[in-house]
Amino acid sequence: MFILNKKHDLDFKLKLIKEYKEGNIGYDSLSNKYDIDPSQLKTWTYQFDTFGIDGLISSMTRKKYSTDEKLRIIQYRITNQLSYKETARIFD
C-alpha cells in the first residue's frame, strides 16, 4: 500500500532516479522497494530528464495562479488538445 500525499525530499528523489537510471531495477520493483507509487517515480524521472534538478525542486512547492492565468492555461489545453497531465507538465 502506497502512502498518499507524502512529501519526499530532493535527496530521496535523486537517489531513486539514480538507482533507476543505473538500469538494474525497473519502476515497479523500485517503487515496491521504497513504497511509492510507480507513476510518481516516472513523473520524477520525467521532470529530472526534462528540467534537471529544477524540475524536482519546483514540484516541491505549490504554485498559485491568478484567475487570468488559470483561464489562459485552460485555453491553451483546449486549443492544443492536451490532456491534463500534458498541460501540467508544461505549466508546472
PDB file of N, CA and C in Angstrom:
ATOM      1  N   MET A   1       0.850  -1.180   0.000  1.00  0.00           N
ATOM      2  CA  MET A   1       0.000   0.000   0.000  1.00  0.00           C
ATOM      3  C   MET A   1       0.892   1.238   0.000  1.00  0.00           C
ATOM      4  N   PHE A   2       0.597   2.161  -0.891  1.00  0.00           N
ATOM      5  CA  PHE A   2       1.406   3.359  -1.016  1.00  0.00           C
ATOM      6  C   PHE A   2       0.882   4.455  -0.094  1.00  0.00           C
ATOM      7  N   ILE A   3       1.805   5.253   0.428  1.00  0.00           N
ATOM      8  CA  ILE A   3       1.436   6.375   1.278  1.00  0.00           C
ATOM      9  C   ILE A   3       1.088   7.548   0.371  1.00  0.00           C
ATOM     10  N   LEU A   4      -0.117   8.083   0.514  1.00  0.00           N
ATOM     11  CA  LEU A   4      -0.556   9.186  -0.327  1.00  0.00           C
ATOM     12  C   LEU A   4      -0.179  10.523   0.295  1.00  0.00           C
ATOM     13  N   ASN A   5       0.081  11.497  -0.558  1.00  0.00           N
ATOM     14  CA  ASN A   5       0.363  12.870  -0.153  1.00  0.00           C
ATOM     15  C   ASN A   5       1.568  13.013   0.770  1.00  0.00           C
ATOM     16  N   LYS A   6       2.485  12.106   0.702  1.00  0.00           N
ATOM     17  CA  LYS A   6       3.702  12.215   1.492  1.00  0.00           C
ATOM     18  C   LYS A   6       4.713  13.025   0.688  1.00  0.00           C
ATOM     19  N   LYS A   7       5.363  13.962   1.334  1.00  0.00           N
ATOM     20  CA  LYS A   7       6.378  14.775   0.671  1.00  0.00           C
ATOM     21  C   LYS A   7       7.718  14.060   0.753  1.00  0.00           C
ATOM     22  N   HIS A   8       8.424  14.042  -0.344  1.00  0.00           N
ATOM     23  CA  HIS A   8       9.740  13.425  -0.386  1.00  0.00           C
ATOM     24  C   HIS A   8      10.768  14.505  -0.672  1.00  0.00           C
ATOM     25  N   ASP A   9      11.889  14.457   0.037  1.00  0.00           N
ATOM     26  CA  ASP A   9      12.897  15.483  -0.170  1.00  0.00           C
ATOM     27  C   ASP A   9      13.696  15.218  -1.446  1.00  0.00           C
ATOM     28  N   LEU A  10      14.443  16.220  -1.837  1.00  0.00           N
ATOM     29  CA  LEU A  10      15.202  16.176  -3.084  1.00  0.00           C
ATOM     30  C   LEU A  10      16.200  15.024  -3.102  1.00  0.00           C
ATOM     31  N   ASP A  11      16.885  14.797  -2.007  1.00  0.00           N
ATOM     32  CA  ASP A  11      17.877  13.714  -1.950  1.00  0.00           C
ATOM     33  C   ASP A  11      17.238  12.350  -2.202  1.00  0.00           C
ATOM     34  N   PHE A  12      16.056  12.140  -1.641  1.00  0.00           N
ATOM     35  CA  PHE A  12      15.342  10.883  -1.843  1.00  0.00           C
ATOM     36  C   PHE A  12      14.982  10.702  -3.318  1.00  0.00           C
ATOM     37  N   LYS A  13      14.456  11.757  -3.931  1.00  0.00           N
ATOM     38  CA  LYS A  13      14.082  11.691  -5.347  1.00  0.00           C
ATOM     39  C   LYS A  13      15.300  11.389  -6.215  1.00  0.00           C
ATOM     40  N   LEU A  14      16.397  12.082  -5.959  1.00  0.00           N
ATOM     41  CA  LEU A  14      17.618  11.871  -6.749  1.00  0.00           C
ATOM     42  C   LEU A  14      18.166  10.456  -6.564  1.00  0.00           C
ATOM     43  N   LYS A  15      18.080   9.949  -5.351  1.00  0.00           N
ATOM     44  CA  LYS A  15      18.545   8.584  -5.070  1.00  0.00           C
ATOM     45  C   LYS A  15      17.768   7.572  -5.910  1.00  0.00           C
ATOM     46  N   LEU A  16      16.456   7.708  -5.946  1.00  0.00           N
ATOM     47  CA  LEU A  16      15.629   6.776  -6.712  1.00  0.00           C
ATOM     48  C   LEU A  16      15.853   6.916  -8.213  1.00  0.00           C
ATOM     49  N   ILE A  17      15.980   8.143  -8.688  1.00  0.00           N
ATOM     50  CA  ILE A  17      16.232   8.363 -10.117  1.00  0.00           C
ATOM     51  C   ILE A  17      17.561   7.744 -10.512  1.00  0.00           C
ATOM     52  N   LYS A  18      18.582   7.949  -9.680  1.00  0.00           N
ATOM     53  CA  LYS A  18      19.899   7.380  -9.970  1.00  0.00           C
ATOM     54  C   LYS A  18      19.827   5.856 -10.002  1.00  0.00           C
ATOM     55  N   GLU A  19      19.155   5.301  -9.014  1.00  0.00           N
ATOM     56  CA  GLU A  19      19.040   3.843  -8.943  1.00  0.00           C
ATOM     57  C   GLU A  19      18.307   3.303 -10.176  1.00  0.00           C
ATOM     58  N   TYR A  20      17.269   3.997 -10.605  1.00  0.00           N
ATOM     59  CA  TYR A  20      16.530   3.570 -11.801  1.00  0.00           C
ATOM     60  C   TYR A  20      17.410   3.669 -13.048  1.00  0.00           C
ATOM     61  N   LYS A  21      18.126   4.775 -13.186  1.00  0.00           N
ATOM     62  CA  LYS A  21      18.934   5.003 -14.384  1.00  0.00           C
ATOM     63  C   LYS A  21      20.135   4.062 -14.483  1.00  0.00           C
ATOM     64  N   GLU A  22      20.564   3.519 -13.370  1.00  0.00           N
ATOM     65  CA  GLU A  22      21.659   2.550 -13.420  1.00  0.00           C
ATOM     66  C   GLU A  22      21.222   1.281 -14.140  1.00  0.00           C
ATOM     67  N   GLY A  23      19.911   1.120 -14.302  1.00  0.00           N
ATOM     68  CA  GLY A  23      19.382   0.066 -15.148  1.00  0.00           C
ATOM     69  C   GLY A  23      19.233  -1.307 -14.543  1.00  0.00           C
ATOM     70  N   ASN A  24      19.456  -1.436 -13.268  1.00  0.00           N
ATOM     71  CA  ASN A  24      19.358  -2.756 -12.648  1.00  0.00           C
ATOM     72  C   ASN A  24      17.975  -3.064 -12.099  1.00  0.00           C
ATOM     73  N   ILE A  25      17.087  -2.068 -12.089  1.00  0.00           N
ATOM     74  CA  ILE A  25      15.768  -2.247 -11.480  1.00  0.00           C
ATOM     75  C   ILE A  25      14.764  -1.363 -12.218  1.00  0.00           C
ATOM     76  N   GLY A  26      13.559  -1.873 -12.413  1.00  0.00           N
ATOM     77  CA  GLY A  26      12.517  -1.137 -13.124  1.00  0.00           C
ATOM     78  C   GLY A  26      11.673  -0.289 -12.186  1.00  0.00           C
ATOM     79  N   TYR A  27      10.766   0.487 -12.779  1.00  0.00           N
ATOM     80  CA  TYR A  27       9.894   1.362 -11.996  1.00  0.00           C
ATOM     81  C   TYR A  27       9.097   0.587 -10.941  1.00  0.00           C
ATOM     82  N   ASP A  28       8.483  -0.507 -11.351  1.00  0.00           N
ATOM     83  CA  ASP A  28       7.622  -1.242 -10.417  1.00  0.00           C
ATOM     84  C   ASP A  28       8.406  -1.821  -9.241  1.00  0.00           C
ATOM     85  N   SER A  29       9.534  -2.444  -9.524  1.00  0.00           N
ATOM     86  CA  SER A  29      10.340  -3.036  -8.448  1.00  0.00           C
ATOM     87  C   SER A  29      10.893  -1.967  -7.519  1.00  0.00           C
ATOM     88  N   LEU A  30      11.365  -0.877  -8.098  1.00  0.00           N
ATOM     89  CA  LEU A  30      11.913   0.215  -7.296  1.00  0.00           C
ATOM     90  C   LEU A  30      10.817   0.858  -6.450  1.00  0.00           C
ATOM     91  N   SER A  31       9.649   1.013  -7.034  1.00  0.00           N
ATOM     92  CA  SER A  31       8.521   1.589  -6.298  1.00  0.00           C
ATOM     93  C   SER A  31       8.114   0.706  -5.127  1.00  0.00           C
ATOM     94  N   ASN A  32       8.096  -0.596  -5.348  1.00  0.00           N
ATOM     95  CA  ASN A  32       7.780  -1.516  -4.248  1.00  0.00           C
ATOM     96  C   ASN A  32       8.841  -1.463  -3.160  1.00  0.00           C
ATOM     97  N   LYS A  33      10.088  -1.375  -3.565  1.00  0.00           N
ATOM     98  CA  LYS A  33      11.201  -1.334  -2.612  1.00  0.00           C
ATOM     99  C   LYS A  33      11.076  -0.142  -1.662  1.00  0.00           C
ATOM    100  N   TYR A  34      10.648   1.021  -2.199  1.00  0.00           N
ATOM    101  CA  TYR A  34      10.575   2.243  -1.392  1.00  0.00           C
ATOM    102  C   TYR A  34       9.143   2.650  -1.031  1.00  0.00           C
ATOM    103  N   ASP A  35       8.182   1.787  -1.362  1.00  0.00           N
ATOM    104  CA  ASP A  35       6.783   2.019  -1.026  1.00  0.00           C
ATOM    105  C   ASP A  35       6.258   3.354  -1.564  1.00  0.00           C
ATOM    106  N   ILE A  36       6.460   3.564  -2.860  1.00  0.00           N
ATOM    107  CA  ILE A  36       5.884   4.731  -3.523  1.00  0.00           C
ATOM    108  C   ILE A  36       5.143   4.260  -4.769  1.00  0.00           C
ATOM    109  N   ASP A  37       4.279   5.095  -5.274  1.00  0.00           N
ATOM    110  CA  ASP A  37       3.524   4.771  -6.480  1.00  0.00           C
ATOM    111  C   ASP A  37       4.461   4.822  -7.688  1.00  0.00           C
ATOM    112  N   PRO A  38       4.409   3.834  -8.577  1.00  0.00           N
ATOM    113  CA  PRO A  38       5.286   3.833  -9.755  1.00  0.00           C
ATOM    114  C   PRO A  38       5.105   5.069 -10.630  1.00  0.00           C
ATOM    115  N   SER A  39       3.878   5.584 -10.706  1.00  0.00           N
ATOM    116  CA  SER A  39       3.658   6.775 -11.535  1.00  0.00           C
ATOM    117  C   SER A  39       4.385   7.987 -10.960  1.00  0.00           C
ATOM    118  N   GLN A  40       4.554   8.021  -9.639  1.00  0.00           N
ATOM    119  CA  GLN A  40       5.290   9.121  -9.022  1.00  0.00           C
ATOM    120  C   GLN A  40       6.760   9.070  -9.423  1.00  0.00           C
ATOM    121  N   LEU A  41       7.322   7.891  -9.415  1.00  0.00           N
ATOM    122  CA  LEU A  41       8.718   7.725  -9.828  1.00  0.00           C
ATOM    123  C   LEU A  41       8.893   8.092 -11.301  1.00  0.00           C
ATOM    124  N   LYS A  42       7.948   7.702 -12.130  1.00  0.00           N
ATOM    125  CA  LYS A  42       8.003   8.064 -13.554  1.00  0.00           C
ATOM    126  C   LYS A  42       7.944   9.575 -13.727  1.00  0.00           C
ATOM    127  N   THR A  43       7.098  10.228 -12.937  1.00  0.00           N
ATOM    128  CA  THR A  43       6.982  11.689 -13.003  1.00  0.00           C
ATOM    129  C   THR A  43       8.292  12.351 -12.602  1.00  0.00           C
ATOM    130  N   TRP A  44       8.894  11.901 -11.511  1.00  0.00           N
ATOM    131  CA  TRP A  44      10.171  12.476 -11.076  1.00  0.00           C
ATOM    132  C   TRP A  44      11.241  12.291 -12.140  1.00  0.00           C
ATOM    133  N   THR A  45      11.281  11.108 -12.737  1.00  0.00           N
ATOM    134  CA  THR A  45      12.273  10.831 -13.774  1.00  0.00           C
ATOM    135  C   THR A  45      12.057  11.745 -14.969  1.00  0.00           C
ATOM    136  N   TYR A  46      10.812  11.909 -15.377  1.00  0.00           N
ATOM    137  CA  TYR A  46      10.491  12.801 -16.497  1.00  0.00           C
ATOM    138  C   TYR A  46      10.899  14.234 -16.162  1.00  0.00           C
ATOM    139  N   GLN A  47      10.535  14.709 -14.970  1.00  0.00           N
ATOM    140  CA  GLN A  47      10.863  16.076 -14.570  1.00  0.00           C
ATOM    141  C   GLN A  47      12.375  16.289 -14.548  1.00  0.00           C
ATOM    142  N   PHE A  48      13.095  15.311 -14.042  1.00  0.00           N
ATOM    143  CA  PHE A  48      14.550  15.417 -13.983  1.00  0.00           C
ATOM    144  C   PHE A  48      15.150  15.417 -15.388  1.00  0.00           C
ATOM    145  N   ASP A  49      14.683  14.520 -16.247  1.00  0.00           N
ATOM    146  CA  ASP A  49      15.202  14.445 -17.617  1.00  0.00           C
ATOM    147  C   ASP A  49      14.892  15.707 -18.409  1.00  0.00           C
ATOM    148  N   THR A  50      13.748  16.300 -18.159  1.00  0.00           N
ATOM    149  CA  THR A  50      13.312  17.468 -18.916  1.00  0.00           C
ATOM    150  C   THR A  50      13.885  18.772 -18.375  1.00  0.00           C
ATOM    151  N   PHE A  51      13.881  18.939 -17.052  1.00  0.00           N
ATOM    152  CA  PHE A  51      14.230  20.223 -16.447  1.00  0.00           C
ATOM    153  C   PHE A  51      15.444  20.176 -15.520  1.00  0.00           C
ATOM    154  N   GLY A  52      16.042  19.008 -15.354  1.00  0.00           N
ATOM    155  CA  GLY A  52      17.159  18.883 -14.422  1.00  0.00           C
ATOM    156  C   GLY A  52      16.664  18.947 -12.987  1.00  0.00           C
ATOM    157  N   ILE A  53      17.556  19.288 -12.087  1.00  0.00           N
ATOM    158  CA  ILE A  53      17.205  19.350 -10.664  1.00  0.00           C
ATOM    159  C   ILE A  53      16.086  20.355 -10.414  1.00  0.00           C
ATOM    160  N   ASP A  54      16.057  21.438 -11.188  1.00  0.00           N
ATOM    161  CA  ASP A  54      14.994  22.434 -11.013  1.00  0.00           C
ATOM    162  C   ASP A  54      13.605  21.820 -11.175  1.00  0.00           C
ATOM    163  N   GLY A  55      13.485  20.826 -12.037  1.00  0.00           N
ATOM    164  CA  GLY A  55      12.203  20.161 -12.223  1.00  0.00           C
ATOM    165  C   GLY A  55      11.734  19.437 -10.981  1.00  0.00           C
ATOM    166  N   LEU A  56      12.665  18.970 -10.190  1.00  0.00           N
ATOM    167  CA  LEU A  56      12.311  18.287  -8.944  1.00  0.00           C
ATOM    168  C   LEU A  56      12.043  19.283  -7.826  1.00  0.00           C
ATOM    169  N   ILE A  57      12.773  20.372  -7.829  1.00  0.00           N
ATOM    170  CA  ILE A  57      12.601  21.381  -6.783  1.00  0.00           C
ATOM    171  C   ILE A  57      11.265  22.088  -6.943  1.00  0.00           C
ATOM    172  N   SER A  58      10.932  22.464  -8.176  1.00  0.00           N
ATOM    173  CA  SER A  58       9.692  23.204  -8.375  1.00  0.00           C
ATOM    174  C   SER A  58       8.472  22.368  -8.024  1.00  0.00           C
ATOM    175  N   SER A  59       8.577  21.055  -8.154  1.00  0.00           N
ATOM    176  CA  SER A  59       7.431  20.212  -7.816  1.00  0.00           C
ATOM    177  C   SER A  59       7.225  20.118  -6.308  1.00  0.00           C
ATOM    178  N   MET A  60       8.199  20.573  -5.540  1.00  0.00           N
ATOM    179  CA  MET A  60       8.085  20.500  -4.091  1.00  0.00           C
ATOM    180  C   MET A  60       7.316  21.696  -3.532  1.00  0.00           C
ATOM    181  N   THR A  61       7.122  22.729  -4.344  1.00  0.00           N
ATOM    182  CA  THR A  61       6.380  23.896  -3.902  1.00  0.00           C
ATOM    183  C   THR A  61       5.159  24.061  -4.786  1.00  0.00           C
ATOM    184  N   ARG A  62       4.081  24.394  -4.188  1.00  0.00           N
ATOM    185  CA  ARG A  62       2.828  24.537  -4.932  1.00  0.00           C
ATOM    186  C   ARG A  62       2.724  25.958  -5.467  1.00  0.00           C
ATOM    187  N   LYS A  63       2.456  26.082  -6.759  1.00  0.00           N
ATOM    188  CA  LYS A  63       2.324  27.394  -7.381  1.00  0.00           C
ATOM    189  C   LYS A  63       0.910  27.915  -7.189  1.00  0.00           C
ATOM    190  N   LYS A  64       0.803  29.231  -7.113  1.00  0.00           N
ATOM    191  CA  LYS A  64      -0.507  29.867  -7.027  1.00  0.00           C
ATOM    192  C   LYS A  64      -0.717  30.649  -8.311  1.00  0.00           C
ATOM    193  N   TYR A  65      -1.837  30.397  -8.954  1.00  0.00           N
ATOM    194  CA  TYR A  65      -2.152  31.040 -10.221  1.00  0.00           C
ATOM    195  C   TYR A  65      -3.336  31.981 -10.039  1.00  0.00           C
ATOM    196  N   SER A  66      -3.265  33.132 -10.709  1.00  0.00           N
ATOM    197  CA  SER A  66      -4.393  34.058 -10.707  1.00  0.00           C
ATOM    198  C   SER A  66      -5.497  33.489 -11.596  1.00  0.00           C
ATOM    199  N   THR A  67      -6.667  34.072 -11.504  1.00  0.00           N
ATOM    200  CA  THR A  67      -7.784  33.629 -12.339  1.00  0.00           C
ATOM    201  C   THR A  67      -7.440  33.766 -13.814  1.00  0.00           C
ATOM    202  N   ASP A  68      -6.807  34.873 -14.192  1.00  0.00           N
ATOM    203  CA  ASP A  68      -6.421  35.075 -15.597  1.00  0.00           C
ATOM    204  C   ASP A  68      -5.436  34.011 -16.071  1.00  0.00           C
ATOM    205  N   GLU A  69      -4.476  33.668 -15.217  1.00  0.00           N
ATOM    206  CA  GLU A  69      -3.506  32.627 -15.584  1.00  0.00           C
ATOM    207  C   GLU A  69      -4.194  31.277 -15.756  1.00  0.00           C
ATOM    208  N   LYS A  70      -5.121  30.979 -14.872  1.00  0.00           N
ATOM    209  CA  LYS A  70      -5.850  29.714 -14.966  1.00  0.00           C
ATOM    210  C   LYS A  70      -6.636  29.629 -16.270  1.00  0.00           C
ATOM    211  N   LEU A  71      -7.302  30.719 -16.617  1.00  0.00           N
ATOM    212  CA  LEU A  71      -8.068  30.742 -17.867  1.00  0.00           C
ATOM    213  C   LEU A  71      -7.158  30.587 -19.080  1.00  0.00           C
ATOM    214  N   ARG A  72      -5.997  31.223 -19.041  1.00  0.00           N
ATOM    215  CA  ARG A  72      -5.032  31.116 -20.141  1.00  0.00           C
ATOM    216  C   ARG A  72      -4.549  29.673 -20.287  1.00  0.00           C
ATOM    217  N   ILE A  73      -4.283  29.020 -19.173  1.00  0.00           N
ATOM    218  CA  ILE A  73      -3.816  27.629 -19.199  1.00  0.00           C
ATOM    219  C   ILE A  73      -4.911  26.700 -19.725  1.00  0.00           C
ATOM    220  N   ILE A  74      -6.142  26.921 -19.286  1.00  0.00           N
ATOM    221  CA  ILE A  74      -7.251  26.097 -19.776  1.00  0.00           C
ATOM    222  C   ILE A  74      -7.431  26.285 -21.278  1.00  0.00           C
ATOM    223  N   GLN A  75      -7.358  27.524 -21.732  1.00  0.00           N
ATOM    224  CA  GLN A  75      -7.497  27.794 -23.165  1.00  0.00           C
ATOM    225  C   GLN A  75      -6.369  27.123 -23.950  1.00  0.00           C
ATOM    226  N   TYR A  76      -5.161  27.163 -23.417  1.00  0.00           N
ATOM    227  CA  TYR A  76      -4.017  26.508 -24.065  1.00  0.00           C
ATOM    228  C   TYR A  76      -4.268  25.006 -24.184  1.00  0.00           C
ATOM    229  N   ARG A  77      -4.777  24.420 -23.118  1.00  0.00           N
ATOM    230  CA  ARG A  77      -5.067  22.982 -23.119  1.00  0.00           C
ATOM    231  C   ARG A  77      -6.089  22.633 -24.192  1.00  0.00           C
ATOM    232  N   ILE A  78      -7.161  23.416 -24.262  1.00  0.00           N
ATOM    233  CA  ILE A  78      -8.220  23.153 -25.246  1.00  0.00           C
ATOM    234  C   ILE A  78      -7.707  23.352 -26.665  1.00  0.00           C
ATOM    235  N   THR A  79      -7.023  24.458 -26.902  1.00  0.00           N
ATOM    236  CA  THR A  79      -6.512  24.774 -28.238  1.00  0.00           C
ATOM    237  C   THR A  79      -5.555  23.708 -28.746  1.00  0.00           C
ATOM    238  N   ASN A  80      -4.709  23.203 -27.853  1.00  0.00           N
ATOM    239  CA  ASN A  80      -3.689  22.228 -28.248  1.00  0.00           C
ATOM    240  C   ASN A  80      -4.114  20.779 -28.032  1.00  0.00           C
ATOM    241  N   GLN A  81      -5.362  20.588 -27.608  1.00  0.00           N
ATOM    242  CA  GLN A  81      -5.929  19.257 -27.393  1.00  0.00           C
ATOM    243  C   GLN A  81      -5.017  18.377 -26.532  1.00  0.00           C
ATOM    244  N   LEU A  82      -4.636  18.920 -25.378  1.00  0.00           N
ATOM    245  CA  LEU A  82      -3.742  18.217 -24.466  1.00  0.00           C
ATOM    246  C   LEU A  82      -4.524  17.603 -23.312  1.00  0.00           C
ATOM    247  N   SER A  83      -3.955  16.575 -22.727  1.00  0.00           N
ATOM    248  CA  SER A  83      -4.531  16.005 -21.508  1.00  0.00           C
ATOM    249  C   SER A  83      -4.164  16.918 -20.339  1.00  0.00           C
ATOM    250  N   TYR A  84      -4.800  16.685 -19.204  1.00  0.00           N
ATOM    251  CA  TYR A  84      -4.456  17.471 -18.020  1.00  0.00           C
ATOM    252  C   TYR A  84      -2.998  17.255 -17.629  1.00  0.00           C
ATOM    253  N   LYS A  85      -2.558  16.018 -17.730  1.00  0.00           N
ATOM    254  CA  LYS A  85      -1.184  15.692 -17.351  1.00  0.00           C
ATOM    255  C   LYS A  85      -0.179  16.390 -18.272  1.00  0.00           C
ATOM    256  N   GLU A  86      -0.446  16.374 -19.576  1.00  0.00           N
ATOM    257  CA  GLU A  86       0.451  17.046 -20.525  1.00  0.00           C
ATOM    258  C   GLU A  86       0.489  18.546 -20.258  1.00  0.00           C
ATOM    259  N   THR A  87      -0.670  19.112 -19.963  1.00  0.00           N
ATOM    260  CA  THR A  87      -0.747  20.544 -19.675  1.00  0.00           C
ATOM    261  C   THR A  87       0.018  20.871 -18.398  1.00  0.00           C
ATOM    262  N   ALA A  88      -0.134  20.041 -17.392  1.00  0.00           N
ATOM    263  CA  ALA A  88       0.571  20.268 -16.127  1.00  0.00           C
ATOM    264  C   ALA A  88       2.077  20.228 -16.322  1.00  0.00           C
ATOM    265  N   ARG A  89       2.554  19.333 -17.166  1.00  0.00           N
ATOM    266  CA  ARG A  89       3.994  19.249 -17.416  1.00  0.00           C
ATOM    267  C   ARG A  89       4.522  20.534 -18.038  1.00  0.00           C
ATOM    268  N   ILE A  90       3.712  21.176 -18.843  1.00  0.00           N
ATOM    269  CA  ILE A  90       4.138  22.415 -19.495  1.00  0.00           C
ATOM    270  C   ILE A  90       4.142  23.575 -18.514  1.00  0.00           C
ATOM    271  N   PHE A  91       3.118  23.658 -17.677  1.00  0.00           N
ATOM    272  CA  PHE A  91       2.950  24.835 -16.829  1.00  0.00           C
ATOM    273  C   PHE A  91       3.449  24.668 -15.403  1.00  0.00           C
ATOM    274  N   ASP A  92       3.853  23.491 -15.005  1.00  0.00           N
ATOM    275  CA  ASP A  92       4.402  23.306 -13.650  1.00  0.00           C
ATOM    276  C   ASP A  92       5.875  23.581 -13.620  1.00  0.00           C
TER     277      ASP A  92
END
